[in-house]
PDB file of N, CA and C in Angstrom:
ATOM      1  N   MET A   1       0.874  -1.247  -0.151  1.00  0.00           N
ATOM      2  CA  MET A   1       0.376  -0.086  -0.009  1.00  0.00           C
ATOM      3  C   MET A   1       0.641   1.335   0.107  1.00  0.00           C
ATOM      4  N   LYS A   2       0.427   2.239  -0.224  1.00  0.00           N
ATOM      5  CA  LYS A   2       1.130   3.595  -0.696  1.00  0.00           C
ATOM      6  C   LYS A   2       1.160   4.730   0.098  1.00  0.00           C
ATOM      7  N   PRO A   3       1.741   4.828   1.160  1.00  0.00           N
ATOM      8  CA  PRO A   3       2.118   6.383   1.557  1.00  0.00           C
ATOM      9  C   PRO A   3       0.797   7.322   0.857  1.00  0.00           C
ATOM     10  N   PHE A   4       0.084   7.941   1.996  1.00  0.00           N
ATOM     11  CA  PHE A   4      -0.915   9.058   1.325  1.00  0.00           C
ATOM     12  C   PHE A   4       0.631  10.084   1.532  1.00  0.00           C
ATOM     13  N   ARG A   5      -0.334  10.714  -0.400  1.00  0.00           N
ATOM     14  CA  ARG A   5       0.869  12.133  -0.155  1.00  0.00           C
ATOM     15  C   ARG A   5      -0.162  13.553  -0.641  1.00  0.00           C
ATOM     16  N   GLN A   6       0.158  13.972   0.071  1.00  0.00           N
ATOM     17  CA  GLN A   6      -0.983  15.498  -0.411  1.00  0.00           C
ATOM     18  C   GLN A   6      -0.606  16.689  -1.075  1.00  0.00           C
ATOM     19  N   SER A   7      -1.137  16.419  -2.285  1.00  0.00           N
ATOM     20  CA  SER A   7      -0.557  17.325  -4.229  1.00  0.00           C
ATOM     21  C   SER A   7      -0.621  18.816  -2.820  1.00  0.00           C
ATOM     22  N   PRO A   8      -0.359  19.625  -3.302  1.00  0.00           N
ATOM     23  CA  PRO A   8      -1.048  21.238  -3.107  1.00  0.00           C
ATOM     24  C   PRO A   8      -2.236  21.550  -3.296  1.00  0.00           C
ATOM     25  N   ALA A   9      -3.175  20.376  -4.293  1.00  0.00           N
ATOM     26  CA  ALA A   9      -4.500  21.189  -4.780  1.00  0.00           C
ATOM     27  C   ALA A   9      -5.325  20.687  -3.634  1.00  0.00           C
ATOM     28  N   ASN A  10      -5.323  18.932  -2.871  1.00  0.00           N
ATOM     29  CA  ASN A  10      -5.328  18.603  -1.541  1.00  0.00           C
ATOM     30  C   ASN A  10      -5.195  19.357  -0.197  1.00  0.00           C
ATOM     31  N   SER A  11      -4.161  20.585  -0.183  1.00  0.00           N
ATOM     32  CA  SER A  11      -3.820  20.927   0.595  1.00  0.00           C
ATOM     33  C   SER A  11      -4.563  22.235   0.176  1.00  0.00           C
ATOM     34  N   ARG A  12      -4.897  23.692  -0.810  1.00  0.00           N
ATOM     35  CA  ARG A  12      -5.426  24.172  -0.287  1.00  0.00           C
ATOM     36  C   ARG A  12      -6.956  23.823  -0.392  1.00  0.00           C
ATOM     37  N   ILE A  13      -7.403  22.445  -1.254  1.00  0.00           N
ATOM     38  CA  ILE A  13      -8.661  22.415  -1.308  1.00  0.00           C
ATOM     39  C   ILE A  13      -9.046  22.815   1.158  1.00  0.00           C
ATOM     40  N   SER A  14      -7.792  21.588   1.606  1.00  0.00           N
ATOM     41  CA  SER A  14      -8.091  21.762   2.728  1.00  0.00           C
ATOM     42  C   SER A  14      -8.142  22.849   4.225  1.00  0.00           C
ATOM     43  N   ARG A  15      -7.413  23.594   3.274  1.00  0.00           N
ATOM     44  CA  ARG A  15      -7.094  25.346   4.004  1.00  0.00           C
ATOM     45  C   ARG A  15      -8.687  25.470   3.392  1.00  0.00           C
ATOM     46  N   ALA A  16      -8.979  25.507   2.345  1.00  0.00           N
ATOM     47  CA  ALA A  16     -10.014  26.413   2.536  1.00  0.00           C
ATOM     48  C   ALA A  16     -11.384  25.468   3.073  1.00  0.00           C
ATOM     49  N   PHE A  17     -11.189  24.037   3.483  1.00  0.00           N
ATOM     50  CA  PHE A  17     -12.534  23.552   3.901  1.00  0.00           C
ATOM     51  C   PHE A  17     -12.198  24.492   5.913  1.00  0.00           C
ATOM     52  N   VAL A  18     -11.066  23.790   6.082  1.00  0.00           N
ATOM     53  CA  VAL A  18     -10.907  24.324   7.652  1.00  0.00           C
ATOM     54  C   VAL A  18     -11.122  26.347   7.883  1.00  0.00           C
ATOM     55  N   LEU A  19     -11.110  27.040   6.561  1.00  0.00           N
ATOM     56  CA  LEU A  19     -11.292  28.301   6.784  1.00  0.00           C
ATOM     57  C   LEU A  19     -12.804  29.125   6.860  1.00  0.00           C
ATOM     58  N   ALA A  20     -13.725  28.090   6.749  1.00  0.00           N
ATOM     59  CA  ALA A  20     -14.744  27.657   5.814  1.00  0.00           C
ATOM     60  C   ALA A  20     -15.829  27.446   6.878  1.00  0.00           C
ATOM     61  N   ALA A  21     -14.897  26.257   7.665  1.00  0.00           N
ATOM     62  CA  ALA A  21     -15.584  25.536   8.991  1.00  0.00           C
ATOM     63  C   ALA A  21     -15.265  26.499  10.232  1.00  0.00           C
ATOM     64  N   SER A  22     -14.338  27.672  10.294  1.00  0.00           N
ATOM     65  CA  SER A  22     -13.691  28.431  11.240  1.00  0.00           C
ATOM     66  C   SER A  22     -15.013  29.070  11.207  1.00  0.00           C
ATOM     67  N   PHE A  23     -15.371  29.894   9.773  1.00  0.00           N
ATOM     68  CA  PHE A  23     -16.140  31.043   9.928  1.00  0.00           C
ATOM     69  C   PHE A  23     -17.963  30.712  10.064  1.00  0.00           C
ATOM     70  N   ALA A  24     -17.864  29.692   9.909  1.00  0.00           N
ATOM     71  CA  ALA A  24     -18.744  28.983  10.198  1.00  0.00           C
ATOM     72  C   ALA A  24     -19.267  28.856  11.791  1.00  0.00           C
ATOM     73  N   PHE A  25     -18.417  28.468  12.283  1.00  0.00           N
ATOM     74  CA  PHE A  25     -17.909  27.979  13.539  1.00  0.00           C
ATOM     75  C   PHE A  25     -18.411  30.099  14.006  1.00  0.00           C
ATOM     76  N   GLY A  26     -17.729  31.108  14.303  1.00  0.00           N
ATOM     77  CA  GLY A  26     -17.373  32.567  14.495  1.00  0.00           C
ATOM     78  C   GLY A  26     -18.845  32.933  14.210  1.00  0.00           C
ATOM     79  N   LEU A  27     -19.337  32.414  13.220  1.00  0.00           N
ATOM     80  CA  LEU A  27     -20.860  33.584  12.950  1.00  0.00           C
ATOM     81  C   LEU A  27     -22.242  31.951  13.940  1.00  0.00           C
ATOM     82  N   SER A  28     -21.683  31.035  14.091  1.00  0.00           N
ATOM     83  CA  SER A  28     -23.115  30.679  14.672  1.00  0.00           C
ATOM     84  C   SER A  28     -22.079  30.891  16.273  1.00  0.00           C
ATOM     85  N   LEU A  29     -21.266  31.223  16.542  1.00  0.00           N
ATOM     86  CA  LEU A  29     -20.714  31.237  17.698  1.00  0.00           C
ATOM     87  C   LEU A  29     -21.402  32.894  18.347  1.00  0.00           C
ATOM     88  N   SER A  30     -21.535  33.506  17.795  1.00  0.00           N
ATOM     89  CA  SER A  30     -22.205  35.094  17.099  1.00  0.00           C
ATOM     90  C   SER A  30     -23.666  35.425  17.642  1.00  0.00           C
ATOM     91  N   ALA A  31     -24.102  34.259  16.797  1.00  0.00           N
ATOM     92  CA  ALA A  31     -25.409  34.657  16.904  1.00  0.00           C
ATOM     93  C   ALA A  31     -25.946  34.220  18.468  1.00  0.00           C
ATOM     94  N   ILE A  32     -25.271  33.111  18.754  1.00  0.00           N
ATOM     95  CA  ILE A  32     -25.905  32.357  20.388  1.00  0.00           C
ATOM     96  C   ILE A  32     -25.654  33.524  21.604  1.00  0.00           C
ATOM     97  N   VAL A  33     -24.571  34.153  20.999  1.00  0.00           N
ATOM     98  CA  VAL A  33     -24.237  35.658  21.900  1.00  0.00           C
ATOM     99  C   VAL A  33     -25.220  36.753  21.737  1.00  0.00           C
ATOM    100  N   GLY A  34     -25.551  36.950  21.184  1.00  0.00           N
ATOM    101  CA  GLY A  34     -26.743  38.056  20.442  1.00  0.00           C
ATOM    102  C   GLY A  34     -28.108  37.293  20.924  1.00  0.00           C
ATOM    103  N   TRP A  35     -28.276  36.333  21.180  1.00  0.00           N
ATOM    104  CA  TRP A  35     -29.846  35.932  21.530  1.00  0.00           C
ATOM    105  C   TRP A  35     -29.672  35.456  23.300  1.00  0.00           C
ATOM    106  N   ALA A  36     -28.351  36.344  23.403  1.00  0.00           N
ATOM    107  CA  ALA A  36     -28.123  36.146  25.300  1.00  0.00           C
ATOM    108  C   ALA A  36     -29.033  37.459  25.451  1.00  0.00           C
ATOM    109  N   GLN A  37     -29.108  38.155  24.935  1.00  0.00           N
ATOM    110  CA  GLN A  37     -29.384  39.829  25.966  1.00  0.00           C
ATOM    111  C   GLN A  37     -30.757  39.557  24.879  1.00  0.00           C
ATOM    112  N   PRO A  38     -32.512  39.627  24.742  1.00  0.00           N
ATOM    113  CA  PRO A  38     -33.411  40.623  23.971  1.00  0.00           C
ATOM    114  C   PRO A  38     -33.528  41.582  23.521  1.00  0.00           C
ATOM    115  N   ALA A  39     -33.888  41.166  22.585  1.00  0.00           N
ATOM    116  CA  ALA A  39     -33.714  43.605  21.985  1.00  0.00           C
ATOM    117  C   ALA A  39     -34.122  44.151  22.429  1.00  0.00           C
ATOM    118  N   GLY A  40     -35.555  44.024  23.443  1.00  0.00           N
ATOM    119  CA  GLY A  40     -35.460  45.107  24.221  1.00  0.00           C
ATOM    120  C   GLY A  40     -34.928  45.447  25.222  1.00  0.00           C
ATOM    121  N   HIS A  41     -33.876  44.870  25.700  1.00  0.00           N
ATOM    122  CA  HIS A  41     -33.114  44.560  27.410  1.00  0.00           C
ATOM    123  C   HIS A  41     -32.265  45.953  27.269  1.00  0.00           C
ATOM    124  N   LEU A  42     -32.595  46.685  28.622  1.00  0.00           N
ATOM    125  CA  LEU A  42     -32.628  48.083  29.275  1.00  0.00           C
ATOM    126  C   LEU A  42     -31.603  47.303  30.120  1.00  0.00           C
ATOM    127  N   ASP A  43     -30.280  48.153  30.957  1.00  0.00           N
ATOM    128  CA  ASP A  43     -29.971  48.019  31.489  1.00  0.00           C
ATOM    129  C   ASP A  43     -29.812  49.194  32.480  1.00  0.00           C
ATOM    130  N   ARG A  44     -29.672  49.353  33.600  1.00  0.00           N
ATOM    131  CA  ARG A  44     -30.174  50.206  34.818  1.00  0.00           C
ATOM    132  C   ARG A  44     -28.734  50.777  35.181  1.00  0.00           C
ATOM    133  N   VAL A  45     -28.520  51.939  35.608  1.00  0.00           N
ATOM    134  CA  VAL A  45     -26.808  52.153  36.428  1.00  0.00           C
ATOM    135  C   VAL A  45     -27.458  53.379  37.100  1.00  0.00           C
ATOM    136  N   GLU A  46     -26.733  53.319  38.351  1.00  0.00           N
ATOM    137  CA  GLU A  46     -27.021  54.141  39.382  1.00  0.00           C
ATOM    138  C   GLU A  46     -25.364  55.206  39.938  1.00  0.00           C
ATOM    139  N   GLY A  47     -25.159  56.207  40.000  1.00  0.00           N
ATOM    140  CA  GLY A  47     -24.215  56.030  40.500  1.00  0.00           C
ATOM    141  C   GLY A  47     -24.310  58.508  40.553  1.00  0.00           C
ATOM    142  N   VAL A  48     -22.998  58.629  40.965  1.00  0.00           N
ATOM    143  CA  VAL A  48     -22.411  59.826  41.775  1.00  0.00           C
ATOM    144  C   VAL A  48     -21.853  60.479  40.145  1.00  0.00           C
ATOM    145  N   VAL A  49     -21.723  61.643  39.240  1.00  0.00           N
ATOM    146  CA  VAL A  49     -21.628  62.653  37.915  1.00  0.00           C
ATOM    147  C   VAL A  49     -20.025  62.590  38.694  1.00  0.00           C
ATOM    148  N   GLU A  50     -18.499  62.380  38.262  1.00  0.00           N
ATOM    149  CA  GLU A  50     -18.173  62.183  39.201  1.00  0.00           C
ATOM    150  C   GLU A  50     -17.352  63.465  38.014  1.00  0.00           C
ATOM    151  N   GLU A  51     -17.711  63.291  36.615  1.00  0.00           N
ATOM    152  CA  GLU A  51     -16.377  64.856  35.763  1.00  0.00           C
ATOM    153  C   GLU A  51     -17.891  64.300  34.397  1.00  0.00           C
ATOM    154  N   VAL A  52     -17.979  65.618  33.653  1.00  0.00           N
ATOM    155  CA  VAL A  52     -18.204  65.723  32.475  1.00  0.00           C
ATOM    156  C   VAL A  52     -17.368  65.987  31.068  1.00  0.00           C
ATOM    157  N   LEU A  53     -17.659  64.663  30.236  1.00  0.00           N
ATOM    158  CA  LEU A  53     -16.532  64.494  29.195  1.00  0.00           C
ATOM    159  C   LEU A  53     -17.171  65.444  28.199  1.00  0.00           C
ATOM    160  N   GLY A  54     -17.450  66.534  28.019  1.00  0.00           N
ATOM    161  CA  GLY A  54     -17.451  66.671  26.820  1.00  0.00           C
ATOM    162  C   GLY A  54     -19.029  66.882  27.120  1.00  0.00           C
ATOM    163  N   PRO A  55     -19.532  67.970  25.764  1.00  0.00           N
ATOM    164  CA  PRO A  55     -21.219  67.718  25.739  1.00  0.00           C
ATOM    165  C   PRO A  55     -22.068  66.968  25.353  1.00  0.00           C
ATOM    166  N   ASP A  56     -21.390  65.506  26.194  1.00  0.00           N
ATOM    167  CA  ASP A  56     -22.108  64.403  25.475  1.00  0.00           C
ATOM    168  C   ASP A  56     -22.363  63.018  26.161  1.00  0.00           C
ATOM    169  N   ALA A  57     -21.137  63.336  26.920  1.00  0.00           N
ATOM    170  CA  ALA A  57     -20.903  61.990  28.229  1.00  0.00           C
ATOM    171  C   ALA A  57     -20.427  62.398  29.373  1.00  0.00           C
ATOM    172  N   VAL A  58     -21.136  61.898  30.563  1.00  0.00           N
ATOM    173  CA  VAL A  58     -20.357  62.501  32.033  1.00  0.00           C
ATOM    174  C   VAL A  58     -20.050  60.765  32.742  1.00  0.00           C
ATOM    175  N   ARG A  59     -19.589  60.767  33.269  1.00  0.00           N
ATOM    176  CA  ARG A  59     -18.844  59.582  34.429  1.00  0.00           C
ATOM    177  C   ARG A  59     -18.764  59.560  35.431  1.00  0.00           C
ATOM    178  N   ILE A  60     -19.484  58.853  35.856  1.00  0.00           N
ATOM    179  CA  ILE A  60     -20.274  58.513  36.973  1.00  0.00           C
ATOM    180  C   ILE A  60     -19.840  56.954  38.260  1.00  0.00           C
ATOM    181  N   GLN A  61     -20.186  57.624  39.345  1.00  0.00           N
ATOM    182  CA  GLN A  61     -19.188  56.376  40.155  1.00  0.00           C
ATOM    183  C   GLN A  61     -20.432  55.377  40.630  1.00  0.00           C
ATOM    184  N   THR A  62     -20.062  54.413  40.421  1.00  0.00           N
ATOM    185  CA  THR A  62     -21.600  53.067  40.967  1.00  0.00           C
ATOM    186  C   THR A  62     -20.171  52.184  42.180  1.00  0.00           C
ATOM    187  N   ASN A  63     -21.029  51.502  42.426  1.00  0.00           N
ATOM    188  CA  ASN A  63     -20.289  50.590  43.088  1.00  0.00           C
ATOM    189  C   ASN A  63     -19.758  49.993  43.431  1.00  0.00           C
ATOM    190  N   ASP A  64     -19.656  49.369  41.929  1.00  0.00           N
ATOM    191  CA  ASP A  64     -18.722  48.339  41.111  1.00  0.00           C
ATOM    192  C   ASP A  64     -17.699  48.933  40.999  1.00  0.00           C
ATOM    193  N   GLY A  65     -17.714  50.462  40.713  1.00  0.00           N
ATOM    194  CA  GLY A  65     -16.297  51.422  39.670  1.00  0.00           C
ATOM    195  C   GLY A  65     -17.279  52.168  39.233  1.00  0.00           C
ATOM    196  N   PHE A  66     -16.710  53.412  37.872  1.00  0.00           N
ATOM    197  CA  PHE A  66     -17.127  54.066  37.129  1.00  0.00           C
ATOM    198  C   PHE A  66     -17.238  53.760  35.795  1.00  0.00           C
ATOM    199  N   VAL A  67     -18.608  54.508  35.399  1.00  0.00           N
ATOM    200  CA  VAL A  67     -18.825  54.025  34.203  1.00  0.00           C
ATOM    201  C   VAL A  67     -18.800  55.818  32.826  1.00  0.00           C
ATOM    202  N   THR A  68     -19.296  55.266  31.923  1.00  0.00           N
ATOM    203  CA  THR A  68     -19.137  56.703  31.267  1.00  0.00           C
ATOM    204  C   THR A  68     -20.631  56.189  30.806  1.00  0.00           C
ATOM    205  N   VAL A  69     -21.219  57.622  30.746  1.00  0.00           N
ATOM    206  CA  VAL A  69     -22.568  57.589  30.098  1.00  0.00           C
ATOM    207  C   VAL A  69     -22.969  58.405  29.109  1.00  0.00           C
ATOM    208  N   ASP A  70     -22.875  57.684  27.196  1.00  0.00           N
ATOM    209  CA  ASP A  70     -23.422  58.856  26.611  1.00  0.00           C
ATOM    210  C   ASP A  70     -24.847  59.004  26.540  1.00  0.00           C
ATOM    211  N   LEU A  71     -25.416  60.316  26.704  1.00  0.00           N
ATOM    212  CA  LEU A  71     -25.919  60.923  26.838  1.00  0.00           C
ATOM    213  C   LEU A  71     -26.628  61.919  25.224  1.00  0.00           C
ATOM    214  N   VAL A  72     -25.626  61.079  24.564  1.00  0.00           N
ATOM    215  CA  VAL A  72     -26.099  61.343  22.928  1.00  0.00           C
ATOM    216  C   VAL A  72     -27.561  61.098  22.574  1.00  0.00           C
ATOM    217  N   GLY A  73     -27.879  60.534  23.134  1.00  0.00           N
ATOM    218  CA  GLY A  73     -29.831  59.898  22.765  1.00  0.00           C
ATOM    219  C   GLY A  73     -30.746  60.781  23.281  1.00  0.00           C
ATOM    220  N   LEU A  74     -29.946  61.493  23.662  1.00  0.00           N
ATOM    221  CA  LEU A  74     -30.823  62.346  25.455  1.00  0.00           C
ATOM    222  C   LEU A  74     -30.531  64.117  24.790  1.00  0.00           C
ATOM    223  N   GLY A  75     -29.972  64.371  24.003  1.00  0.00           N
ATOM    224  CA  GLY A  75     -29.433  65.854  23.880  1.00  0.00           C
ATOM    225  C   GLY A  75     -28.309  65.979  24.036  1.00  0.00           C
ATOM    226  N   GLY A  76     -27.237  65.493  25.091  1.00  0.00           N
ATOM    227  CA  GLY A  76     -25.423  65.592  25.172  1.00  0.00           C
ATOM    228  C   GLY A  76     -26.876  66.505  26.825  1.00  0.00           C
ATOM    229  N   VAL A  77     -25.099  66.352  27.705  1.00  0.00           N
ATOM    230  CA  VAL A  77     -25.775  67.624  29.033  1.00  0.00           C
ATOM    231  C   VAL A  77     -25.701  68.179  29.026  1.00  0.00           C
ATOM    232  N   ASN A  78     -27.277  68.618  29.492  1.00  0.00           N
ATOM    233  CA  ASN A  78     -27.567  69.974  29.946  1.00  0.00           C
ATOM    234  C   ASN A  78     -28.147  70.306  31.336  1.00  0.00           C
ATOM    235  N   ALA A  79     -29.161  70.905  31.743  1.00  0.00           N
ATOM    236  CA  ALA A  79     -28.687  71.679  32.619  1.00  0.00           C
ATOM    237  C   ALA A  79     -29.114  70.382  34.401  1.00  0.00           C
ATOM    238  N   SER A  80     -29.748  69.622  33.415  1.00  0.00           N
ATOM    239  CA  SER A  80     -30.009  68.556  34.936  1.00  0.00           C
ATOM    240  C   SER A  80     -29.450  67.733  34.759  1.00  0.00           C
ATOM    241  N   VAL A  81     -27.950  67.270  34.894  1.00  0.00           N
ATOM    242  CA  VAL A  81     -27.100  66.908  35.011  1.00  0.00           C
ATOM    243  C   VAL A  81     -25.761  67.676  35.539  1.00  0.00           C
ATOM    244  N   ALA A  82     -25.080  67.512  37.204  1.00  0.00           N
ATOM    245  CA  ALA A  82     -24.300  68.228  37.811  1.00  0.00           C
ATOM    246  C   ALA A  82     -24.035  67.222  38.499  1.00  0.00           C
ATOM    247  N   LEU A  83     -22.439  68.310  38.393  1.00  0.00           N
ATOM    248  CA  LEU A  83     -21.399  67.500  38.743  1.00  0.00           C
ATOM    249  C   LEU A  83     -21.479  66.498  40.772  1.00  0.00           C
ATOM    250  N   GLY A  84     -21.661  66.211  40.767  1.00  0.00           N
ATOM    251  CA  GLY A  84     -22.078  65.202  42.807  1.00  0.00           C
ATOM    252  C   GLY A  84     -23.729  65.008  42.671  1.00  0.00           C
ATOM    253  N   GLN A  85     -23.842  65.321  41.455  1.00  0.00           N
ATOM    254  CA  GLN A  85     -25.896  64.775  41.141  1.00  0.00           C
ATOM    255  C   GLN A  85     -25.445  63.225  41.945  1.00  0.00           C
ATOM    256  N   LYS A  86     -26.823  62.638  42.112  1.00  0.00           N
ATOM    257  CA  LYS A  86     -26.897  61.651  41.619  1.00  0.00           C
ATOM    258  C   LYS A  86     -27.815  61.625  40.270  1.00  0.00           C
ATOM    259  N   ILE A  87     -27.120  60.171  39.154  1.00  0.00           N
ATOM    260  CA  ILE A  87     -28.492  59.892  38.450  1.00  0.00           C
ATOM    261  C   ILE A  87     -28.509  58.345  38.533  1.00  0.00           C
ATOM    262  N   VAL A  88     -29.439  58.319  38.125  1.00  0.00           N
ATOM    263  CA  VAL A  88     -29.881  56.580  37.447  1.00  0.00           C
ATOM    264  C   VAL A  88     -30.197  56.975  35.606  1.00  0.00           C
ATOM    265  N   ALA A  89     -29.118  55.783  35.408  1.00  0.00           N
ATOM    266  CA  ALA A  89     -29.365  56.367  33.489  1.00  0.00           C
ATOM    267  C   ALA A  89     -29.193  54.690  33.042  1.00  0.00           C
ATOM    268  N   VAL A  90     -30.791  54.977  31.971  1.00  0.00           N
ATOM    269  CA  VAL A  90     -31.339  53.543  31.862  1.00  0.00           C
ATOM    270  C   VAL A  90     -30.738  53.570  30.287  1.00  0.00           C
ATOM    271  N   GLY A  91     -30.776  52.437  29.601  1.00  0.00           N
ATOM    272  CA  GLY A  91     -30.152  52.720  28.382  1.00  0.00           C
ATOM    273  C   GLY A  91     -29.529  51.092  28.165  1.00  0.00           C
ATOM    274  N   THR A  92     -28.941  51.232  26.800  1.00  0.00           N
ATOM    275  CA  THR A  92     -28.107  50.199  26.834  1.00  0.00           C
ATOM    276  C   THR A  92     -26.411  49.632  27.088  1.00  0.00           C
ATOM    277  N   MET A  93     -25.964  48.589  27.608  1.00  0.00           N
ATOM    278  CA  MET A  93     -23.921  48.820  28.316  1.00  0.00           C
ATOM    279  C   MET A  93     -23.875  48.069  26.734  1.00  0.00           C
ATOM    280  N   GLU A  94     -22.746  48.729  27.193  1.00  0.00           N
ATOM    281  CA  GLU A  94     -21.717  48.136  25.866  1.00  0.00           C
ATOM    282  C   GLU A  94     -20.915  46.472  26.231  1.00  0.00           C
ATOM    283  N   SER A  95     -20.725  45.506  25.233  1.00  0.00           N
ATOM    284  CA  SER A  95     -20.219  44.131  26.153  1.00  0.00           C
ATOM    285  C   SER A  95     -19.352  45.011  27.396  1.00  0.00           C
ATOM    286  N   GLY A  96     -18.636  45.605  27.065  1.00  0.00           N
ATOM    287  CA  GLY A  96     -17.344  46.447  28.249  1.00  0.00           C
ATOM    288  C   GLY A  96     -17.608  46.511  29.503  1.00  0.00           C
ATOM    289  N   GLY A  97     -18.774  46.764  29.632  1.00  0.00           N
ATOM    290  CA  GLY A  97     -19.770  47.143  30.781  1.00  0.00           C
ATOM    291  C   GLY A  97     -19.302  48.359  30.807  1.00  0.00           C
ATOM    292  N   ASP A  98     -18.628  49.404  30.783  1.00  0.00           N
ATOM    293  CA  ASP A  98     -18.480  50.157  31.158  1.00  0.00           C
ATOM    294  C   ASP A  98     -18.971  51.621  30.309  1.00  0.00           C
ATOM    295  N   ILE A  99     -19.924  51.247  29.010  1.00  0.00           N
ATOM    296  CA  ILE A  99     -20.210  52.159  28.949  1.00  0.00           C
ATOM    297  C   ILE A  99     -21.594  52.663  28.104  1.00  0.00           C
ATOM    298  N   LEU A 100     -22.068  53.214  28.392  1.00  0.00           N
ATOM    299  CA  LEU A 100     -24.127  52.891  28.837  1.00  0.00           C
ATOM    300  C   LEU A 100     -24.113  53.634  27.680  1.00  0.00           C
ATOM    301  N   HIS A 101     -25.562  53.702  26.859  1.00  0.00           N
ATOM    302  CA  HIS A 101     -26.185  54.427  26.044  1.00  0.00           C
ATOM    303  C   HIS A 101     -27.243  54.898  26.680  1.00  0.00           C
ATOM    304  N   ALA A 102     -27.393  55.655  26.723  1.00  0.00           N
ATOM    305  CA  ALA A 102     -28.471  56.325  27.823  1.00  0.00           C
ATOM    306  C   ALA A 102     -29.850  56.525  26.895  1.00  0.00           C
ATOM    307  N   THR A 103     -31.035  56.003  26.963  1.00  0.00           N
ATOM    308  CA  THR A 103     -32.061  56.357  26.329  1.00  0.00           C
ATOM    309  C   THR A 103     -33.290  57.233  27.294  1.00  0.00           C
ATOM    310  N   HIS A 104     -32.861  57.563  28.367  1.00  0.00           N
ATOM    311  CA  HIS A 104     -33.448  57.780  29.457  1.00  0.00           C
ATOM    312  C   HIS A 104     -33.141  57.629  30.789  1.00  0.00           C
ATOM    313  N   LEU A 105     -33.153  59.281  31.679  1.00  0.00           N
ATOM    314  CA  LEU A 105     -32.748  59.017  32.720  1.00  0.00           C
ATOM    315  C   LEU A 105     -33.609  59.129  33.788  1.00  0.00           C
ATOM    316  N   GLU A 106     -34.049  58.416  34.858  1.00  0.00           N
ATOM    317  CA  GLU A 106     -34.879  58.299  36.515  1.00  0.00           C
ATOM    318  C   GLU A 106     -34.639  59.471  37.988  1.00  0.00           C
ATOM    319  N   SER A 107     -34.997  59.949  38.150  1.00  0.00           N
ATOM    320  CA  SER A 107     -34.991  59.755  39.709  1.00  0.00           C
ATOM    321  C   SER A 107     -34.480  58.579  40.469  1.00  0.00           C
ATOM    322  N   SER A 108     -33.589  59.455  40.898  1.00  0.00           N
ATOM    323  CA  SER A 108     -32.869  57.985  42.310  1.00  0.00           C
ATOM    324  C   SER A 108     -33.419  57.822  43.387  1.00  0.00           C
ATOM    325  N   THR A 109     -33.425  56.797  43.633  1.00  0.00           N
ATOM    326  CA  THR A 109     -34.176  56.715  44.719  1.00  0.00           C
ATOM    327  C   THR A 109     -33.503  57.093  45.934  1.00  0.00           C
ATOM    328  N   ASP A 110     -32.418  57.369  46.147  1.00  0.00           N
ATOM    329  CA  ASP A 110     -31.641  57.387  47.267  1.00  0.00           C
ATOM    330  C   ASP A 110     -31.838  59.015  47.388  1.00  0.00           C
ATOM    331  N   PRO A 111     -31.826  59.661  48.411  1.00  0.00           N
ATOM    332  CA  PRO A 111     -31.525  61.136  48.596  1.00  0.00           C
ATOM    333  C   PRO A 111     -29.551  61.754  48.163  1.00  0.00           C
TER     334      PRO A 111
END
């Protein structure tokens, strides 16, 4: 029996198959991760405004650390947000967990 020799054509087909299988696996994994959070899911972050980051964002101190709250969807930083003020921002959190894109602000339950 002859030993198996891999021709250049077989090598290209093997690489193409591995690449296609990897791509399909990556798409499947991203679909699963996307389904983990329902489309209407909103995150809620409560904290004290520590810094105003330009006209469209503030940085707040929460119990777990700092979160940047993107206020572009609300028209940017306005008179209703001030340094030292406790705010509750509701919106969509980025996957890293440190940036929230606010869709609205709520009243804080604590003074």
